Every structure is written in C-alpha cells, then in structure tokens.
Amino acid sequence: MSNPEHLNTSELGTKSYWDAAYTTERRNFSSNPDDQGTIWFSDAGAEERMLSFLENSSDEGQLHKDASSDETPTRFLDLGTGNGHLLFALREDEWEGRMVGVDYAPQSVKLANEIRDSKGDEYADIEFHEWDLLGEEPGAWLAGGFDVVLDKGTFDAICLAQETDAQGRRICEGYREKVEKLITKGGRFLITSCNWTEDEVKGWFDVEGGELVYESKVKYPSFTFGGKTGTSVCTLCFRRKA
C-alpha cells in the first residue's frame, strides 16, 4: 500500500519556526512561571484522552505505572516534546517509569528543562535531549528502547517540511522506520494527528514489511460534513511486532 498523498509544505515544518516559537515561550515563562507554553490540540482534549487511554492500558495490565506488579514500570519517549507537558502530566498521574523527551529545536529542550527544574523532586529525573530524529542516530539515552513512544503533532509538522532525503523522498516518508527502532518489541506507538484521518495514519504506519501493527484508537466526538463523518483530531495506537 502506498503512502497517503503529501501535504503542502509550510513554515510549521521548519526548525527556525519552532526555535523562534520556543524562544518566545521561554521568555514568557521567565516572566510568568504559570505560563508554560502551548499545549497542542488542547481544544480537542487530546492530551487528556491520551492519558486516559494509557491509564486504561495500565488497568488492563498492558502497561505498568510502577513496580508493584513485579514488572518494570513502563518507559516513555516523547518525540517532539516541545515544553515537555505530556511527560509532566504522565508523572503527575503517577507513572513512575523512565521518561525521555526529545526535540530538534534547542529552545524547546531548554524550555522543557527550565519547567522541569521549577517543579518538585518527583519530576527531577525526566530527561530532555536535543535530537534530530531524521538526521541523527539516537544517543545513549535510547538504552534498551522504550515501551511507549508518544507523538502528539510531531509527525504532522514533519509532513509540512519541504526537505528530501538521500533517496529524493519527502523526509516524512522515512519517519516510520526511524520510530520503529525506538520501540521495544511488543511496545506501543501512540500518535495524535490533526492533519491526517485515521485511515491515512494507518496508511503511513501499518504497512507491508513494516514493524508496526494497528491495535486500537482513542475515541473523539465526531461530526458530519458533506455526507462524511469524521473527527478534527485522531489518536491511534500501534504495536511493534514481538
């Protein structure tokens, strides 16, 4: 199955845009610590729905919030972490496992570290690293991989980039293969998108010869327009083959 048709390029797909945006957010946070920046897809309640989905997965024994069940607590990697809010919310919900956030924008990583350092001791071990997923190999932080890899809008932004890879493809076409290597076998990839439909996200990630298999989705309120029913945001969970 071929990939969905590409999106038009936009400044939202450029590193300079995001560095400028997070420079502004750092300035705002410095003057007002209550202003911790943008929470993407907040109008759709995406972060809350992702957290609820993960909580349900813990209740079902698929993930582990702590070591009380003699299982290693679930390890999380947040791709395009921005201000780190999703990881902070996970820790607030008492997920005790290792958490790492990565972003290719240096100002994002600085902001996330500054916000973390302003919080209590329970947040102190959350790591943030500057890393270009499509252009660099993972650092030592990858260790044994992650049980859950999170993407809330990062693939959307990459799909707006105009750069091409060595094969002449738009760089978004290499995203799935890079992500697969970050996930432990049997682990999950939880992605939220506003630019792609559920079927299109499946078309990008559940492909013949790939490592990811569609597992389930998060429910959002739907609307009907022009005889078609859909949602403004979708969140899908894929499992890496064991």
Protein backbone atom coordinates (compact mmCIF):
# COMPACT_ATOMS: atom_id res chain seq x y z
CA MET A 1 0.00 0.00 0.00
CA SER A 2 1.37 3.41 -0.96
CA ASN A 3 1.64 6.32 1.44
CA PRO A 4 -1.16 8.91 1.50
CA GLU A 5 -0.77 11.95 -0.75
CA HIS A 6 1.64 14.52 0.65
CA LEU A 7 0.57 17.76 2.34
CA ASN A 8 1.65 21.16 1.04
CA THR A 9 4.76 22.49 2.75
CA SER A 10 4.53 25.17 5.45
CA GLU A 11 6.75 27.17 7.80
CA LEU A 12 5.40 24.87 10.54
CA GLY A 13 7.72 22.28 9.06
CA THR A 14 10.87 24.35 9.62
CA LYS A 15 13.31 24.26 12.52
CA SER A 16 13.60 28.06 12.51
CA TYR A 17 9.86 28.43 13.14
CA TRP A 18 9.93 26.17 16.19
CA ASP A 19 13.10 27.65 17.64
CA ALA A 20 11.56 31.12 17.37
CA ALA A 21 8.32 29.89 18.92
CA TYR A 22 10.09 28.31 21.90
CA THR A 23 12.33 31.34 22.34
CA THR A 24 9.15 33.34 22.86
CA GLU A 25 7.74 30.70 25.22
CA ARG A 26 10.96 30.72 27.27
CA ARG A 27 10.71 34.48 27.58
CA ASN A 28 7.08 34.22 28.67
CA PHE A 29 7.90 31.50 31.21
CA SER A 30 10.76 33.55 32.62
CA SER A 31 8.44 36.49 33.29
CA ASN A 32 5.47 34.35 34.38
CA PRO A 33 6.17 30.80 35.64
CA ASP A 34 2.47 29.96 35.31
CA ASP A 35 2.79 30.41 31.53
CA GLN A 36 4.33 27.12 30.45
CA GLY A 37 3.51 27.44 26.76
CA THR A 38 1.18 25.90 24.23
CA ILE A 39 -0.50 22.54 24.80
CA TRP A 40 -1.13 21.27 21.30
CA PHE A 41 -4.64 20.02 20.44
CA SER A 42 -5.94 21.24 23.81
CA ASP A 43 -9.19 22.32 22.13
CA ALA A 44 -9.86 18.64 21.34
CA GLY A 45 -8.73 17.45 24.77
CA ALA A 46 -6.14 15.25 23.05
CA GLU A 47 -3.66 15.13 25.92
CA GLU A 48 -6.34 14.16 28.43
CA ARG A 49 -7.62 11.46 26.09
CA MET A 50 -4.12 10.08 25.56
CA LEU A 51 -3.58 9.97 29.32
CA SER A 52 -6.91 8.22 29.84
CA PHE A 53 -6.05 5.68 27.13
CA LEU A 54 -2.73 4.91 28.83
CA GLU A 55 -4.45 4.64 32.22
CA ASN A 56 -6.89 2.10 30.77
CA SER A 57 -3.96 0.16 29.29
CA SER A 58 -2.45 0.03 32.77
CA ASP A 59 -5.73 -1.18 34.26
CA GLU A 60 -5.75 -3.96 31.65
CA GLY A 61 -2.20 -5.00 32.56
CA GLN A 62 -0.65 -3.99 29.22
CA LEU A 63 1.38 -1.16 30.79
CA HIS A 64 2.73 -0.70 34.31
CA LYS A 65 2.62 2.54 36.28
CA ASP A 66 5.01 1.33 38.97
CA ALA A 67 6.93 -1.75 40.12
CA SER A 68 4.19 -3.03 42.44
CA SER A 69 3.26 -5.81 40.00
CA ASP A 70 6.87 -7.06 39.82
CA GLU A 71 7.02 -5.63 36.30
CA THR A 72 9.40 -2.87 35.22
CA PRO A 73 7.48 0.43 35.10
CA THR A 74 6.59 1.49 31.56
CA ARG A 75 9.28 3.61 29.87
CA PHE A 76 8.13 6.58 27.77
CA LEU A 77 9.76 8.51 24.93
CA ASP A 78 8.07 11.72 23.76
CA LEU A 79 9.00 12.72 20.19
CA GLY A 80 8.94 16.46 19.54
CA THR A 81 8.44 17.06 23.24
CA GLY A 82 8.08 20.86 22.99
CA ASN A 83 7.60 22.15 26.53
CA GLY A 84 7.53 18.62 27.96
CA HIS A 85 3.96 18.99 29.18
CA LEU A 86 2.84 15.49 28.18
CA LEU A 87 5.60 13.86 30.23
CA PHE A 88 4.92 16.12 33.20
CA ALA A 89 1.25 15.12 33.01
CA LEU A 90 2.21 11.43 32.99
CA ARG A 91 4.34 11.85 36.09
CA GLU A 92 1.51 13.80 37.73
CA ASP A 93 -0.69 10.77 37.00
CA GLU A 94 1.84 8.69 38.97
CA TRP A 95 3.61 6.90 36.14
CA GLU A 96 6.97 6.13 37.74
CA GLY A 97 8.98 4.72 34.81
CA ARG A 98 11.79 6.35 32.90
CA MET A 99 10.73 9.33 30.79
CA VAL A 100 12.68 10.98 27.99
CA GLY A 101 11.62 13.86 25.76
CA VAL A 102 13.49 14.73 22.55
CA ASP A 103 13.18 17.67 20.17
CA TYR A 104 15.28 19.03 17.32
CA ALA A 105 14.67 22.62 18.42
CA PRO A 106 17.30 23.66 21.01
CA GLN A 107 14.99 26.25 22.56
CA SER A 108 12.35 23.56 23.14
CA VAL A 109 14.78 21.46 25.16
CA LYS A 110 15.91 24.48 27.17
CA LEU A 111 12.29 25.39 27.94
CA ALA A 112 11.39 21.84 29.00
CA ASN A 113 14.43 21.66 31.29
CA GLU A 114 13.58 25.03 32.84
CA ILE A 115 9.99 23.98 33.52
CA ARG A 116 11.15 20.65 34.97
CA ASP A 117 13.63 22.39 37.26
CA SER A 118 10.83 24.61 38.58
CA LYS A 119 8.82 21.56 39.65
CA GLY A 120 9.11 19.17 42.60
CA ASP A 121 11.61 16.37 43.12
CA GLU A 122 9.30 13.78 41.56
CA TYR A 123 9.92 15.40 38.15
CA ALA A 124 13.70 15.72 38.51
CA ASP A 125 14.58 12.50 36.67
CA ILE A 126 12.64 13.34 33.49
CA GLU A 127 15.26 13.74 30.74
CA PHE A 128 15.20 16.12 27.78
CA HIS A 129 17.63 15.88 24.88
CA GLU A 130 18.18 17.80 21.66
CA TRP A 131 17.91 15.28 18.84
CA ASP A 132 17.01 15.33 15.15
CA LEU A 133 15.22 12.03 14.66
CA LEU A 134 15.53 12.09 10.88
CA GLY A 135 19.14 13.27 10.72
CA GLU A 136 20.97 11.74 13.69
CA GLU A 137 21.46 8.40 15.38
CA PRO A 138 19.99 8.09 18.90
CA GLY A 139 22.25 8.91 21.83
CA ALA A 140 22.99 6.83 24.92
CA TRP A 141 19.55 7.84 26.22
CA LEU A 142 17.99 5.19 23.96
CA ALA A 143 19.42 2.42 26.19
CA GLY A 144 17.17 -0.63 25.69
CA GLY A 145 14.39 1.25 23.91
CA PHE A 146 11.01 2.42 25.14
CA ASP A 147 7.77 0.61 25.91
CA VAL A 148 5.66 3.53 24.69
CA VAL A 149 6.71 6.14 22.14
CA LEU A 150 4.49 9.22 22.00
CA ASP A 151 3.83 11.64 19.14
CA LYS A 152 1.38 14.50 19.61
CA GLY A 153 1.59 16.58 16.43
CA THR A 154 5.24 15.90 15.61
CA PHE A 155 4.59 13.76 12.54
CA ASP A 156 2.10 16.42 11.42
CA ALA A 157 4.85 19.06 11.50
CA ILE A 158 7.37 16.81 9.74
CA CYS A 159 4.85 16.24 6.96
CA LEU A 160 4.89 20.00 6.31
CA ALA A 161 8.67 20.10 5.80
CA GLN A 162 9.97 20.54 2.26
CA GLU A 163 13.29 18.73 2.77
CA THR A 164 14.00 15.49 0.95
CA ASP A 165 16.20 12.56 1.97
CA ALA A 166 19.05 10.86 0.11
CA GLN A 167 16.52 8.86 -1.93
CA GLY A 168 14.75 12.04 -3.01
CA ARG A 169 11.70 11.33 -0.83
CA ARG A 170 9.97 13.88 1.37
CA ILE A 171 11.55 13.35 4.80
CA CYS A 172 8.25 12.29 6.36
CA GLU A 173 8.47 9.07 4.33
CA GLY A 174 11.38 7.90 6.47
CA TYR A 175 9.70 8.66 9.80
CA ARG A 176 8.09 5.26 10.42
CA GLU A 177 11.34 3.33 10.01
CA LYS A 178 13.12 5.64 12.45
CA VAL A 179 10.34 5.36 15.03
CA GLU A 180 10.16 1.57 14.86
CA LYS A 181 13.74 1.25 16.13
CA LEU A 182 12.94 3.29 19.25
CA ILE A 183 10.18 0.95 20.44
CA THR A 184 10.80 -2.28 22.32
CA LYS A 185 9.43 -5.40 20.63
CA GLY A 186 5.79 -5.64 21.68
CA GLY A 187 5.84 -1.97 22.70
CA ARG A 188 3.41 0.73 21.61
CA PHE A 189 3.44 3.84 19.43
CA LEU A 190 0.68 6.30 20.36
CA ILE A 191 0.25 9.08 17.80
CA THR A 192 -2.13 12.04 17.62
CA SER A 193 -2.72 13.91 14.36
CA CYS A 194 -4.90 16.73 13.11
CA ASN A 195 -3.60 16.64 9.52
CA TRP A 196 -4.43 13.03 8.72
CA THR A 197 -7.53 10.85 9.06
CA GLU A 198 -7.47 7.55 10.93
CA ASP A 199 -7.17 5.61 7.67
CA GLU A 200 -4.37 7.86 6.46
CA VAL A 201 -2.41 7.41 9.70
CA LYS A 202 -2.81 3.65 9.30
CA GLY A 203 -1.56 4.07 5.73
CA TRP A 204 1.60 5.71 7.00
CA PHE A 205 2.42 3.30 9.83
CA ASP A 206 0.75 -0.11 9.34
CA VAL A 207 2.41 -1.12 6.09
CA GLU A 208 3.51 -4.34 4.44
CA GLY A 209 7.01 -5.21 5.59
CA GLY A 210 6.83 -2.77 8.50
CA GLU A 211 7.20 -3.47 12.20
CA LEU A 212 4.05 -1.67 13.39
CA VAL A 213 0.54 -3.13 13.53
CA TYR A 214 -2.58 -1.08 14.23
CA GLU A 215 -4.01 -2.01 17.62
CA SER A 216 -6.69 0.47 18.72
CA LYS A 217 -7.77 4.10 18.72
CA VAL A 218 -8.90 6.82 21.09
CA LYS A 219 -12.49 7.98 20.70
CA TYR A 220 -13.27 11.62 19.92
CA PRO A 221 -16.57 13.39 19.26
CA SER A 222 -17.40 13.11 15.56
CA PHE A 223 -19.04 15.49 13.11
CA THR A 224 -20.66 15.04 9.72
CA PHE A 225 -19.92 17.32 6.76
CA GLY A 226 -20.76 16.75 3.12
CA GLY A 227 -22.16 13.34 3.92
CA LYS A 228 -18.92 12.17 5.55
CA THR A 229 -18.35 11.59 9.26
CA GLY A 230 -15.02 12.33 10.92
CA THR A 231 -13.16 13.99 13.78
CA SER A 232 -10.89 17.05 13.91
CA VAL A 233 -8.18 15.02 15.66
CA CYS A 234 -7.37 11.32 15.76
CA THR A 235 -5.20 9.26 18.11
CA LEU A 236 -4.14 5.75 17.12
CA CYS A 237 -2.11 3.10 18.91
CA PHE A 238 0.21 0.76 17.03
CA ARG A 239 2.11 -2.20 18.48
CA ARG A 240 5.59 -3.20 17.37
CA LYS A 241 5.74 -6.84 16.39
CA ALA A 242 7.29 -9.06 19.05
